[in-house]
N, C-alpha and C. Protein backbone atom coordinates (compact mmCIF):
# COMPACT_ATOMS: atom_id res chain seq x y z
N UNK A 1 70.11 131.02 58.95
CA UNK A 1 70.25 131.15 60.96
C UNK A 1 70.20 132.88 61.07
N UNK A 2 69.21 133.10 62.60
CA UNK A 2 69.27 134.58 62.58
C UNK A 2 70.80 135.05 62.82
N UNK A 3 70.81 136.75 62.80
CA UNK A 3 71.92 136.88 62.94
C UNK A 3 72.34 136.73 64.39
N UNK A 4 73.34 136.81 65.15
CA UNK A 4 74.10 136.61 66.55
C UNK A 4 73.88 135.00 66.74
N UNK A 5 73.69 134.11 65.74
CA UNK A 5 73.39 132.78 66.11
C UNK A 5 74.45 132.33 65.65
N UNK A 6 75.63 131.38 66.72
CA UNK A 6 76.60 130.78 66.27
C UNK A 6 77.06 129.43 66.43
N UNK A 7 77.98 128.45 66.09
CA UNK A 7 77.73 127.14 66.72
C UNK A 7 78.52 127.19 68.49
N UNK A 8 78.26 127.02 69.22
CA UNK A 8 78.55 127.07 70.61
C UNK A 8 79.58 126.28 70.68
N UNK A 9 81.10 126.39 71.76
CA UNK A 9 81.67 125.49 71.69
C UNK A 9 81.49 124.12 72.60
N UNK A 10 80.64 124.40 73.53
CA UNK A 10 79.73 123.45 74.15
C UNK A 10 78.15 123.86 73.27
N UNK A 11 77.34 122.48 73.18
CA UNK A 11 75.76 122.86 73.12
C UNK A 11 75.36 123.00 74.19
N UNK A 12 74.06 123.97 74.40
CA UNK A 12 73.13 124.10 75.51
C UNK A 12 72.35 123.20 75.73
N UNK A 13 71.98 122.53 76.65
CA UNK A 13 71.45 121.05 76.89
C UNK A 13 69.70 121.50 76.88
N UNK A 14 68.89 120.65 76.28
CA UNK A 14 67.41 120.57 76.65
C UNK A 14 67.03 120.50 78.41
N UNK A 15 66.42 121.18 79.26
CA UNK A 15 66.52 121.12 80.82
C UNK A 15 67.02 121.47 81.44
N UNK A 16 68.10 121.91 81.18
CA UNK A 16 69.46 122.37 81.86
C UNK A 16 69.35 123.72 82.04
N UNK A 17 69.82 124.71 83.30
CA UNK A 17 69.86 125.75 83.83
C UNK A 17 71.29 126.59 83.16
N UNK A 18 71.14 128.07 82.96
CA UNK A 18 72.50 128.55 82.35
C UNK A 18 72.34 129.81 82.87
N UNK A 19 73.53 130.70 82.95
CA UNK A 19 74.16 131.65 83.76
C UNK A 19 74.37 132.45 82.22
N UNK A 20 73.16 133.22 81.67
CA UNK A 20 73.69 134.27 80.57
C UNK A 20 73.98 135.60 80.53
N UNK A 21 75.30 135.90 79.88
CA UNK A 21 75.45 137.24 80.42
C UNK A 21 76.30 137.85 78.91
N UNK A 22 75.92 139.37 78.86
CA UNK A 22 76.44 140.28 77.66
C UNK A 22 76.71 141.46 78.38
N UNK A 23 77.55 142.26 77.20
CA UNK A 23 78.10 143.58 77.86
C UNK A 23 77.85 144.38 76.54
N UNK A 24 77.95 145.69 76.49
CA UNK A 24 78.16 146.46 75.06
C UNK A 24 79.71 146.46 74.62
N UNK A 25 79.48 146.40 73.36
CA UNK A 25 80.58 146.41 72.74
C UNK A 25 81.75 147.74 73.58
N UNK A 26 83.04 147.50 73.81
CA UNK A 26 83.93 148.25 74.32
C UNK A 26 83.26 148.58 75.75
N UNK A 27 82.61 147.66 76.08
CA UNK A 27 81.68 148.41 77.55
C UNK A 27 81.02 149.49 77.37
N UNK A 28 80.43 149.68 76.26
CA UNK A 28 79.73 151.28 76.37
C UNK A 28 78.61 151.36 76.34
N UNK A 29 77.46 151.83 77.37
CA UNK A 29 76.32 151.81 77.49
C UNK A 29 75.11 151.26 76.49
N UNK A 30 74.37 150.17 77.12
CA UNK A 30 73.43 149.62 76.35
C UNK A 30 72.05 150.07 76.44
N UNK A 31 71.70 150.67 77.87
CA UNK A 31 70.29 151.33 78.17
C UNK A 31 70.87 152.67 78.71
N UNK A 32 70.24 153.64 78.52
CA UNK A 32 70.47 154.91 78.63
C UNK A 32 69.06 155.67 79.36
N UNK A 33 68.24 155.15 78.98
CA UNK A 33 66.88 155.90 79.69
C UNK A 33 65.65 155.07 80.26
N UNK A 34 64.95 155.59 80.85
CA UNK A 34 63.81 153.94 81.28
C UNK A 34 63.09 153.63 80.40
N UNK A 35 63.13 154.40 79.01
CA UNK A 35 62.68 153.68 77.95
C UNK A 35 63.24 152.47 77.47
N UNK A 36 64.55 152.52 77.09
CA UNK A 36 65.54 151.41 76.89
C UNK A 36 65.37 150.30 77.78
N UNK A 37 65.27 150.67 79.43
CA UNK A 37 65.07 149.31 80.44
C UNK A 37 63.58 148.70 79.81
N UNK A 38 62.94 149.39 79.91
CA UNK A 38 61.10 149.06 79.34
C UNK A 38 61.21 147.94 78.25
N UNK A 39 61.93 148.55 77.15
CA UNK A 39 61.71 148.29 76.07
C UNK A 39 62.30 146.74 76.13
N UNK A 40 63.24 146.27 76.46
CA UNK A 40 64.47 145.06 77.36
C UNK A 40 63.81 144.09 77.82
N UNK A 41 62.70 144.70 78.94
CA UNK A 41 62.45 144.26 79.65
C UNK A 41 61.04 143.45 78.80
N UNK A 42 60.14 144.53 78.14
CA UNK A 42 59.07 143.90 77.06
C UNK A 42 59.60 142.56 76.19
N UNK A 43 60.96 143.22 75.22
CA UNK A 43 61.37 142.01 74.53
C UNK A 43 61.78 140.86 74.94
N UNK A 44 62.20 140.27 76.50
CA UNK A 44 62.26 139.38 77.13
C UNK A 44 60.81 138.51 77.24
N UNK A 45 59.74 138.79 77.66
CA UNK A 45 58.84 138.56 78.07
C UNK A 45 58.47 137.78 76.01
N UNK A 46 58.44 138.83 74.95
CA UNK A 46 57.93 138.44 74.35
C UNK A 46 58.36 137.71 73.11
N UNK A 47 60.01 137.53 73.46
CA UNK A 47 61.00 136.46 72.80
C UNK A 47 60.74 135.06 73.50
N UNK A 48 60.39 135.13 74.27
CA UNK A 48 60.32 133.79 75.18
C UNK A 48 59.70 132.73 74.37
N UNK A 49 58.61 132.97 73.55
CA UNK A 49 57.77 132.02 72.99
C UNK A 49 57.95 131.71 71.49
N UNK A 50 58.07 130.25 71.07
CA UNK A 50 58.30 129.33 69.76
C UNK A 50 57.83 130.84 68.78
N UNK A 51 56.25 130.58 69.31
CA UNK A 51 55.72 131.40 68.05
C UNK A 51 54.96 132.47 68.58
N UNK A 52 55.34 133.87 68.91
CA UNK A 52 54.69 135.24 69.62
C UNK A 52 53.39 134.89 69.12
N UNK A 53 52.37 135.49 69.76
CA UNK A 53 51.25 135.86 69.54
C UNK A 53 50.70 136.73 68.60
N UNK A 54 51.62 137.72 68.75
CA UNK A 54 51.10 138.85 68.07
C UNK A 54 52.42 139.47 67.43
N UNK A 55 51.92 140.94 66.90
CA UNK A 55 53.50 141.25 66.45
C UNK A 55 53.79 142.22 67.62
N UNK A 56 55.46 142.34 67.49
CA UNK A 56 55.51 142.79 69.05
C UNK A 56 55.32 144.44 68.83
N UNK A 57 55.43 145.21 67.78
CA UNK A 57 54.64 146.25 68.13
C UNK A 57 53.52 146.36 68.50
N UNK A 58 52.50 145.41 68.39
CA UNK A 58 51.00 145.68 68.88
C UNK A 58 51.16 144.71 70.62
N UNK A 59 52.16 143.86 70.82
CA UNK A 59 52.48 143.41 72.08
C UNK A 59 52.95 144.86 72.99
N UNK A 60 53.81 145.76 72.66
CA UNK A 60 54.08 146.80 73.41
C UNK A 60 53.09 147.78 73.68
N UNK A 61 52.17 147.83 72.81
CA UNK A 61 50.78 148.55 73.21
C UNK A 61 50.14 147.96 74.34
N UNK A 62 50.18 146.90 74.56
CA UNK A 62 48.77 146.26 75.14
C UNK A 62 49.41 146.77 76.64
N UNK A 63 48.09 146.91 77.59
CA UNK A 63 48.13 146.95 79.05
C UNK A 63 49.04 146.18 79.45
N UNK A 64 49.79 145.85 80.94
CA UNK A 64 50.54 145.72 81.91
C UNK A 64 49.58 144.35 82.29
N UNK A 65 48.34 144.68 82.29
CA UNK A 65 47.33 143.04 82.74
C UNK A 65 46.88 142.10 81.94
N UNK A 66 47.38 142.72 80.13
CA UNK A 66 46.71 142.23 79.18
C UNK A 66 48.14 141.13 78.72
N UNK A 67 49.29 142.29 78.61
CA UNK A 67 49.89 141.44 78.57
C UNK A 67 50.52 139.83 79.27
N UNK A 68 50.29 140.41 80.59
CA UNK A 68 50.81 139.09 81.76
C UNK A 68 49.63 138.28 81.63
N UNK A 69 48.59 138.19 81.43
CA UNK A 69 47.15 137.20 81.09
C UNK A 69 47.56 136.65 79.48
N UNK A 70 48.18 137.36 78.66
CA UNK A 70 49.02 136.44 77.71
C UNK A 70 50.11 135.48 77.95
N UNK A 71 50.98 136.00 78.88
CA UNK A 71 52.00 134.92 79.04
C UNK A 71 51.67 133.88 80.21
N UNK A 72 50.76 133.95 81.06
CA UNK A 72 50.03 133.07 81.79
C UNK A 72 49.47 132.04 81.27
N UNK A 73 48.97 132.39 79.61
CA UNK A 73 48.33 131.52 78.70
C UNK A 73 49.10 130.41 78.01
N UNK A 74 50.66 131.20 78.00
CA UNK A 74 51.46 130.18 77.16
C UNK A 74 52.01 129.49 77.87
N UNK A 75 52.00 128.04 77.55
CA UNK A 75 52.10 126.74 78.25
C UNK A 75 53.86 126.50 77.99
N UNK A 76 54.44 125.41 78.65
CA UNK A 76 55.76 125.28 78.40
C UNK A 76 55.82 124.96 77.06
N UNK A 77 54.89 124.51 76.49
CA UNK A 77 55.57 123.70 75.41
C UNK A 77 55.38 124.55 74.16
N UNK A 78 54.88 125.96 74.13
CA UNK A 78 55.07 126.99 73.61
C UNK A 78 55.96 128.00 73.72
N UNK A 79 57.29 127.75 74.75
CA UNK A 79 58.19 128.56 74.88
C UNK A 79 59.59 127.72 74.69
N UNK A 80 60.59 128.71 74.20
CA UNK A 80 61.71 128.54 74.12
C UNK A 80 62.86 127.97 75.24
N UNK A 81 62.35 129.48 76.45
CA UNK A 81 62.92 129.24 77.53
C UNK A 81 61.94 129.49 78.63
N UNK A 82 62.45 128.71 80.06
CA UNK A 82 62.23 129.69 81.35
C UNK A 82 62.92 130.33 81.54
N UNK A 83 62.22 131.78 82.23
CA UNK A 83 63.69 132.78 82.42
C UNK A 83 63.07 132.89 84.03
N UNK A 84 64.19 132.17 84.87
CA UNK A 84 64.73 132.33 86.28
C UNK A 84 64.48 133.83 87.00
N UNK A 85 65.69 134.41 86.24
CA UNK A 85 66.05 135.72 86.87
C UNK A 85 66.57 136.61 85.47
N UNK A 86 66.41 137.81 86.30
CA UNK A 86 67.15 138.68 85.17
C UNK A 86 67.81 140.17 86.17
N UNK A 87 68.55 140.64 84.99
CA UNK A 87 69.25 142.22 85.81
C UNK A 87 69.61 143.00 84.49
N UNK A 88 68.86 143.82 84.60
CA UNK A 88 69.67 144.76 83.65
C UNK A 88 70.16 145.77 84.17
N UNK A 89 71.47 146.10 83.88
CA UNK A 89 72.25 147.01 84.49
C UNK A 89 73.24 147.72 83.20
N UNK A 90 73.82 149.52 83.50
CA UNK A 90 73.50 150.28 82.41
C UNK A 90 74.20 149.78 81.06
N UNK A 91 75.35 148.77 81.05
CA UNK A 91 76.23 148.35 80.30
C UNK A 91 76.53 146.79 79.91
N UNK A 92 75.42 146.27 80.83
CA UNK A 92 75.40 144.78 80.17
C UNK A 92 73.98 144.18 80.86
N UNK A 93 73.89 143.14 80.63
CA UNK A 93 72.84 142.41 81.23
C UNK A 93 73.12 140.62 82.09
N UNK A 94 72.33 140.07 82.47
CA UNK A 94 72.46 139.13 83.41
C UNK A 94 71.21 138.40 83.51
N UNK A 95 71.32 136.93 82.90
CA UNK A 95 70.00 136.03 82.89
C UNK A 95 70.15 134.97 83.47
N UNK A 96 69.35 134.36 83.98
CA UNK A 96 69.15 132.87 84.33
C UNK A 96 68.02 132.36 83.71
N UNK A 97 68.57 131.38 82.77
CA UNK A 97 67.53 130.64 81.49
C UNK A 97 67.58 129.37 81.84
N UNK A 98 66.25 128.18 81.39
CA UNK A 98 66.27 127.23 81.52
C UNK A 98 65.58 126.82 79.89
N UNK A 99 66.69 126.29 79.49
CA UNK A 99 66.29 125.32 78.10
C UNK A 99 65.37 124.72 77.85
N UNK A 100 64.24 124.91 77.03
CA UNK A 100 63.03 123.91 76.72
C UNK A 100 63.14 123.49 75.62
N UNK A 101 63.51 124.08 74.29
CA UNK A 101 63.45 123.21 73.35
C UNK A 101 65.37 123.27 73.02
N UNK A 102 65.57 122.12 71.79
CA UNK A 102 66.32 122.31 70.76
C UNK A 102 66.78 123.49 70.66
N UNK A 103 68.00 124.39 71.12
CA UNK A 103 68.96 125.46 70.54
C UNK A 103 67.79 126.98 70.93
N UNK A 104 66.96 126.34 72.08
CA UNK A 104 66.16 127.48 72.49
C UNK A 104 66.50 128.87 72.57
N UNK A 105 67.86 128.55 73.76
CA UNK A 105 68.49 129.90 74.03
C UNK A 105 68.80 130.46 73.40
N UNK A 106 69.82 130.01 72.13
CA UNK A 106 70.65 130.60 71.15
C UNK A 106 69.42 131.55 70.24
N UNK A 107 68.26 130.57 70.23
CA UNK A 107 67.22 131.15 69.11
C UNK A 107 66.58 132.65 69.80
N UNK A 108 66.48 132.60 71.22
CA UNK A 108 65.74 133.55 72.09
C UNK A 108 67.18 134.85 72.36
N UNK A 109 67.76 134.19 72.15
CA UNK A 109 69.08 135.49 72.96
C UNK A 109 68.97 136.29 71.39
N UNK A 110 69.19 136.08 70.30
CA UNK A 110 69.25 136.29 69.33
C UNK A 110 68.57 137.26 68.74
N UNK A 111 67.00 136.46 68.83
CA UNK A 111 65.83 137.37 68.55
C UNK A 111 65.99 138.89 69.61
N UNK A 112 65.90 138.60 71.01
CA UNK A 112 65.92 139.62 71.98
C UNK A 112 67.13 140.75 71.41
N UNK A 113 68.25 140.15 71.20
CA UNK A 113 69.74 141.16 70.96
C UNK A 113 69.44 142.00 69.63
N UNK A 114 69.00 141.17 68.80
CA UNK A 114 68.86 141.68 67.10
C UNK A 114 67.65 142.64 67.21
N UNK A 115 66.72 142.09 67.87
CA UNK A 115 65.00 143.10 68.34
C UNK A 115 66.04 145.02 69.04
N UNK A 116 66.64 144.41 70.15
CA UNK A 116 66.82 145.77 70.55
C UNK A 116 67.43 146.64 70.48
N UNK A 117 68.87 145.81 69.74
CA UNK A 117 69.86 146.71 69.05
C UNK A 117 69.30 147.51 67.84
N UNK A 118 68.32 146.86 67.00
CA UNK A 118 67.42 147.96 66.05
C UNK A 118 66.78 149.02 67.04
N UNK A 119 66.12 148.72 68.02
CA UNK A 119 65.78 149.72 68.60
C UNK A 119 66.46 150.69 69.21
N UNK A 120 67.63 150.28 69.45
CA UNK A 120 68.26 151.29 70.26
C UNK A 120 69.46 152.04 69.30
N UNK A 121 69.71 151.24 68.34
CA UNK A 121 70.24 152.09 66.82
C UNK A 121 69.09 153.58 66.09
N UNK A 122 68.19 152.81 65.86
CA UNK A 122 67.24 153.61 65.52
C UNK A 122 66.98 154.76 66.64
N UNK A 123 66.86 154.93 67.83
CA UNK A 123 66.22 155.81 68.64
C UNK A 123 67.82 156.74 68.65
N UNK A 124 69.09 156.07 68.53
CA UNK A 124 70.31 156.93 68.81
C UNK A 124 70.76 157.17 67.52
N UNK A 125 70.38 156.87 66.29
CA UNK A 125 71.16 157.30 65.01
C UNK A 125 72.51 156.89 65.27
N UNK A 126 72.91 155.17 65.53
CA UNK A 126 73.87 154.43 65.37
C UNK A 126 73.55 153.73 64.71
N UNK A 127 74.93 152.91 64.22
CA UNK A 127 74.81 152.05 63.55
C UNK A 127 76.04 150.79 64.25
N UNK A 128 75.75 149.23 63.62
CA UNK A 128 76.63 148.26 64.06
C UNK A 128 75.93 147.87 65.27
N UNK A 129 77.26 146.71 65.74
CA UNK A 129 76.61 145.69 66.70
C UNK A 129 76.55 146.78 68.13
N UNK A 130 75.33 146.12 68.78
CA UNK A 130 75.58 147.02 70.21
C UNK A 130 75.93 146.29 71.54
N UNK A 131 75.60 144.83 71.50
CA UNK A 131 76.59 143.73 72.10
C UNK A 131 77.94 143.04 71.71
N UNK A 132 78.40 142.93 72.73
CA UNK A 132 80.03 141.89 72.62
C UNK A 132 79.92 140.72 72.07
N UNK A 133 79.73 140.38 70.94
CA UNK A 133 79.73 139.41 70.18
C UNK A 133 78.83 138.69 70.69
N UNK A 134 78.74 136.98 70.72
CA UNK A 134 78.14 135.91 70.81
C UNK A 134 78.02 136.33 72.22
N UNK A 135 76.39 135.60 72.85
CA UNK A 135 76.49 135.86 74.32
C UNK A 135 77.37 134.74 74.91
N UNK A 136 77.61 135.12 76.12
CA UNK A 136 78.29 133.87 77.21
C UNK A 136 77.40 133.03 78.31
N UNK A 137 77.55 131.89 78.07
CA UNK A 137 76.89 131.15 79.12
C UNK A 137 77.54 130.36 80.13
N UNK A 138 77.15 130.25 80.80
CA UNK A 138 77.59 129.19 81.87
C UNK A 138 76.19 128.43 82.34
N UNK A 139 76.91 127.03 82.63
CA UNK A 139 75.91 125.93 83.11
C UNK A 139 75.92 125.94 84.65
N UNK A 140 74.68 125.93 84.85
CA UNK A 140 74.70 125.50 86.76
C UNK A 140 74.57 124.08 86.80
N UNK A 141 75.15 123.82 87.79
CA UNK A 141 75.06 122.49 88.16
C UNK A 141 74.06 121.84 88.84
N UNK A 142 74.07 122.60 89.81
CA UNK A 142 72.92 122.10 90.95
C UNK A 142 72.01 123.14 91.05
N UNK A 143 71.33 123.13 91.99
CA UNK A 143 70.19 124.03 92.79
C UNK A 143 70.78 124.75 93.90
N UNK A 144 71.98 124.34 94.48
CA UNK A 144 72.67 125.32 95.20
C UNK A 144 73.54 126.40 94.73
N UNK A 145 73.85 126.11 93.33
CA UNK A 145 74.73 127.07 92.45
C UNK A 145 73.44 127.85 91.98
N UNK A 146 72.52 127.62 91.57
CA UNK A 146 71.28 128.32 90.92
C UNK A 146 70.81 129.46 92.23
N UNK A 147 70.96 129.39 93.32
CA UNK A 147 70.23 129.71 94.65
C UNK A 147 71.35 131.26 94.93
N UNK A 148 72.09 130.43 94.60
CA UNK A 148 73.82 131.63 95.03
C UNK A 148 73.56 132.35 93.72
N UNK A 149 73.43 131.81 92.42
CA UNK A 149 73.95 132.47 91.35
C UNK A 149 72.54 133.87 91.24
N UNK A 150 71.11 133.50 91.79
CA UNK A 150 70.13 134.35 92.06
C UNK A 150 70.35 135.61 92.95
N UNK A 151 71.17 135.02 93.71
CA UNK A 151 71.57 136.09 94.16
C UNK A 151 72.57 137.20 94.07
N UNK A 152 73.35 137.18 93.45
CA UNK A 152 74.64 137.36 92.86
C UNK A 152 74.35 138.80 91.95
N UNK A 153 72.84 137.91 90.87
CA UNK A 153 72.39 138.88 89.68
C UNK A 153 71.47 139.85 90.38
N UNK A 154 70.59 139.56 91.39
CA UNK A 154 69.77 140.63 92.13
C UNK A 154 70.69 141.31 93.08
N UNK A 155 71.56 140.78 93.20
CA UNK A 155 72.41 142.35 94.05
C UNK A 155 73.00 142.85 93.51
N UNK A 156 73.13 142.68 92.19
CA UNK A 156 74.25 143.58 90.81
C UNK A 156 74.15 145.00 91.22
N UNK A 157 72.72 145.83 91.39
CA UNK A 157 72.92 146.89 91.34
C UNK A 157 73.42 147.65 92.84
N UNK A 158 73.25 146.56 93.30
CA UNK A 158 74.14 147.45 95.21
C UNK A 158 75.37 147.03 94.96
N UNK A 159 76.14 145.89 94.70
CA UNK A 159 77.16 145.81 94.85
C UNK A 159 77.94 146.39 93.74
N UNK A 160 77.55 147.20 92.90
CA UNK A 160 77.94 147.86 91.71
C UNK A 160 77.66 149.17 91.92
N UNK A 161 77.49 149.18 92.81
CA UNK A 161 76.92 151.13 93.08
C UNK A 161 76.17 151.90 92.30
N UNK A 162 75.36 150.82 91.37
CA UNK A 162 74.36 151.54 90.70
C UNK A 162 73.14 152.30 91.49
N UNK A 163 73.01 151.63 92.85
CA UNK A 163 71.85 152.60 93.75
C UNK A 163 72.24 151.96 94.94
N UNK A 164 71.97 152.97 95.77
CA UNK A 164 72.48 152.93 97.29
C UNK A 164 71.51 152.11 97.76
N UNK A 165 71.86 151.82 98.89
CA UNK A 165 70.92 150.71 99.72
C UNK A 165 69.58 150.95 99.79
N UNK A 166 69.57 152.48 100.15
CA UNK A 166 68.21 152.44 100.85
C UNK A 166 67.64 152.26 99.46
N UNK A 167 67.44 152.32 98.35
CA UNK A 167 66.87 152.28 97.14
C UNK A 167 66.92 151.10 96.23
N UNK A 168 67.81 149.84 97.12
CA UNK A 168 67.85 148.60 96.32
C UNK A 168 66.51 147.93 96.02
N UNK A 169 65.93 147.79 96.97
CA UNK A 169 64.42 147.09 96.81
C UNK A 169 63.62 147.77 95.98
N UNK A 170 63.87 149.07 95.51
CA UNK A 170 62.67 149.45 94.34
C UNK A 170 63.80 149.51 93.04
N UNK A 171 64.92 148.88 93.05
CA UNK A 171 65.33 148.93 91.74
C UNK A 171 64.37 147.90 90.65
N UNK A 172 63.94 148.78 89.44
CA UNK A 172 62.87 148.66 88.48
C UNK A 172 63.39 147.34 87.40
N UNK A 173 64.66 147.35 87.33
CA UNK A 173 65.36 146.21 86.24
C UNK A 173 65.77 145.64 86.30
N UNK A 174 65.53 144.63 87.42
CA UNK A 174 65.64 143.39 87.87
C UNK A 174 64.10 142.28 88.31
N UNK A 175 64.52 141.46 88.22
CA UNK A 175 63.23 140.38 89.00
C UNK A 175 63.32 140.24 90.29
N UNK A 176 63.72 140.78 90.93
CA UNK A 176 64.22 140.49 92.61
C UNK A 176 62.59 140.89 93.24
N UNK A 177 62.01 142.07 92.63
CA UNK A 177 60.52 142.27 93.51
C UNK A 177 59.27 141.36 92.43
N UNK A 178 59.67 140.62 91.51
CA UNK A 178 58.63 139.54 90.92
C UNK A 178 59.01 138.10 91.86
N UNK A 179 60.13 138.18 92.72
CA UNK A 179 60.41 136.79 93.61
C UNK A 179 59.61 137.47 95.03
N UNK A 180 59.78 138.63 95.41
CA UNK A 180 59.02 139.33 96.15
C UNK A 180 57.69 139.25 96.50
N UNK A 181 56.92 139.97 95.49
CA UNK A 181 55.46 139.89 95.32
C UNK A 181 54.73 139.25 94.39
N UNK A 182 55.95 138.13 93.37
CA UNK A 182 55.20 137.65 92.33
C UNK A 182 54.06 138.34 91.71
N UNK A 183 54.81 139.55 91.24
CA UNK A 183 53.93 140.02 90.47
C UNK A 183 53.29 140.06 88.83
N UNK A 184 54.33 139.21 88.45
CA UNK A 184 54.01 138.70 87.10
C UNK A 184 54.48 137.68 86.58
N UNK A 185 53.88 137.13 85.41
CA UNK A 185 54.10 136.10 84.68
C UNK A 185 55.91 135.90 83.90
N UNK A 186 56.55 137.07 84.01
CA UNK A 186 57.59 137.05 82.85
C UNK A 186 58.88 135.94 83.15
N UNK A 187 58.61 136.05 85.04
CA UNK A 187 59.73 134.98 85.59
C UNK A 187 58.95 133.67 85.78
N UNK A 188 59.96 132.57 86.43
CA UNK A 188 59.19 131.72 86.97
C UNK A 188 60.43 131.32 87.98
N UNK A 189 59.96 131.99 88.90
CA UNK A 189 60.97 132.14 90.60
C UNK A 189 61.21 130.52 90.90
N UNK A 190 60.32 129.65 90.80
CA UNK A 190 59.99 128.29 91.77
C UNK A 190 61.19 127.35 91.96
N UNK A 191 61.97 126.99 90.89
CA UNK A 191 63.01 126.70 91.16
C UNK A 191 64.30 127.32 92.60
N UNK A 192 64.01 128.48 92.63
CA UNK A 192 64.60 129.22 93.57
C UNK A 192 64.12 129.51 94.94
N UNK A 193 62.60 129.58 94.64
CA UNK A 193 62.00 130.34 95.78
C UNK A 193 61.77 128.97 96.49
N UNK A 194 61.53 127.63 95.77
CA UNK A 194 61.23 126.70 96.78
C UNK A 194 62.17 126.14 97.89
N UNK A 195 63.34 126.45 97.61
CA UNK A 195 64.52 126.16 98.47
C UNK A 195 64.44 127.10 100.46
N UNK A 196 63.50 128.05 99.77
CA UNK A 196 63.04 129.50 101.29
C UNK A 196 61.59 128.73 101.53
N UNK A 197 61.35 128.72 102.98
CA UNK A 197 60.10 128.88 103.44
C UNK A 197 59.06 130.00 102.84
N UNK A 198 59.42 130.83 102.42
CA UNK A 198 58.46 132.04 102.13
C UNK A 198 59.58 132.88 101.52
N UNK A 199 58.88 133.97 100.82
CA UNK A 199 59.81 135.48 100.14
C UNK A 199 60.81 136.11 100.60
N UNK A 200 59.97 136.65 102.11
CA UNK A 200 60.65 136.73 102.84
C UNK A 200 62.26 136.68 103.24
N UNK A 201 62.19 135.09 103.75
CA UNK A 201 63.00 134.55 104.11
C UNK A 201 64.22 134.98 102.69
N UNK A 202 63.66 134.68 101.17
CA UNK A 202 64.27 134.84 100.77
C UNK A 202 65.45 136.11 100.06
N UNK A 203 64.49 136.96 100.90
CA UNK A 203 64.55 138.34 100.93
C UNK A 203 65.91 138.49 101.78
N UNK A 204 66.15 137.87 103.35
CA UNK A 204 66.67 137.84 104.20
C UNK A 204 68.36 137.31 103.50
N UNK A 205 67.84 136.18 102.60
CA UNK A 205 69.48 135.85 102.10
C UNK A 205 69.75 136.67 101.19
N UNK A 206 69.21 136.94 100.38
CA UNK A 206 69.74 138.62 99.34
C UNK A 206 70.44 139.26 100.06
N UNK A 207 69.75 140.51 101.55
CA UNK A 207 70.40 141.11 102.47
C UNK A 207 71.70 140.55 102.99
N UNK A 208 71.96 139.33 103.19
CA UNK A 208 73.28 138.60 104.38
C UNK A 208 73.96 138.76 103.40
N UNK A 209 74.60 139.83 103.73
CA UNK A 209 76.37 140.00 103.17
C UNK A 209 77.34 139.30 103.56
N UNK A 210 77.35 138.82 104.92
CA UNK A 210 78.55 138.17 105.33
C UNK A 210 78.50 136.59 104.03
N UNK A 211 77.16 135.98 104.21
CA UNK A 211 76.87 134.74 103.30
C UNK A 211 77.03 134.97 102.15
N UNK A 212 76.82 136.58 101.42
CA UNK A 212 76.94 136.59 99.80
C UNK A 212 78.65 136.39 99.52
N UNK A 213 79.31 137.36 100.81
CA UNK A 213 80.71 137.28 100.37
C UNK A 213 80.84 135.81 99.92
N UNK A 214 80.84 134.79 101.31
CA UNK A 214 81.14 133.81 101.34
C UNK A 214 80.99 133.12 99.66
N UNK A 215 79.41 132.98 98.90
CA UNK A 215 78.86 132.33 98.29
C UNK A 215 79.77 132.85 96.83
N UNK A 216 80.24 133.73 96.93
CA UNK A 216 80.87 134.72 96.05
C UNK A 216 82.46 133.40 95.48
N UNK A 217 83.13 132.75 96.10
CA UNK A 217 84.34 131.91 96.05
C UNK A 217 83.39 130.95 95.76
N UNK A 218 82.03 130.46 96.08
CA UNK A 218 81.33 129.22 95.41
C UNK A 218 81.03 129.21 93.81
N UNK A 219 80.44 130.32 93.18
CA UNK A 219 79.94 130.41 92.17
C UNK A 219 81.01 131.05 91.28
N UNK A 220 82.36 131.51 91.77
CA UNK A 220 83.14 132.38 90.98
C UNK A 220 83.08 132.11 89.60
N UNK A 221 83.74 130.53 89.57
CA UNK A 221 83.76 129.53 87.95
C UNK A 221 82.21 129.89 87.04
N UNK A 222 81.16 129.94 87.85
CA UNK A 222 79.97 130.51 87.08
C UNK A 222 80.02 131.68 86.31
N UNK A 223 80.52 132.50 86.58
CA UNK A 223 80.54 133.92 86.45
C UNK A 223 81.73 134.56 85.09
N UNK A 224 82.40 133.19 84.49
CA UNK A 224 82.87 133.34 83.34
C UNK A 224 82.72 131.95 82.39
N UNK A 225 83.02 132.27 81.39
CA UNK A 225 82.24 131.18 80.20
C UNK A 225 83.25 130.20 80.51
N UNK A 226 83.08 128.88 80.26
CA UNK A 226 83.91 127.67 80.31
C UNK A 226 84.44 127.36 78.72
């Protein structure tokens, strides 16, 4: 069994969507520099596959276009998960994933967190766990919840005062611009964007603060582990 994997109270089901989140031990920072965020995002793209096509050290050295090309060539039968959206914050992360194979999410998260922890510990001359135990997961029951949850995750940098509103759309460590520009193959936003006439309409939905506050009540239970 991979480090970080354990039996969960409720097994995660194939074909279902889950809100996945975790934070640093004792809420300590997990991402300190731009290089840390880039390492985490590269790890996401690499470990989604059942059998990665090359060594991670080689994958990291590829150009953006080459990485994107390899991701597009990877069919759904070759992946552990579909990644719907993500956001990395200074001391935690949020993902929405769809499980494609048995134990896919657990295997993916174990590989991702173990790899990133090794990188972070080596770089910062520290030892021990970086993240707070087993990752948290909450089942997303409906498309409506999926859409509202994607907004919550994408708004995290703004509502947590990590960036001012004028810089919100340029925050580079979330998948929001993947939604607005469809810039690469890391995320599959179709399950969310299919509910909107255009990416512009989704952005309007994101920036609608009144609706956002209302939706928080609807998805509150999704933000804690059941």
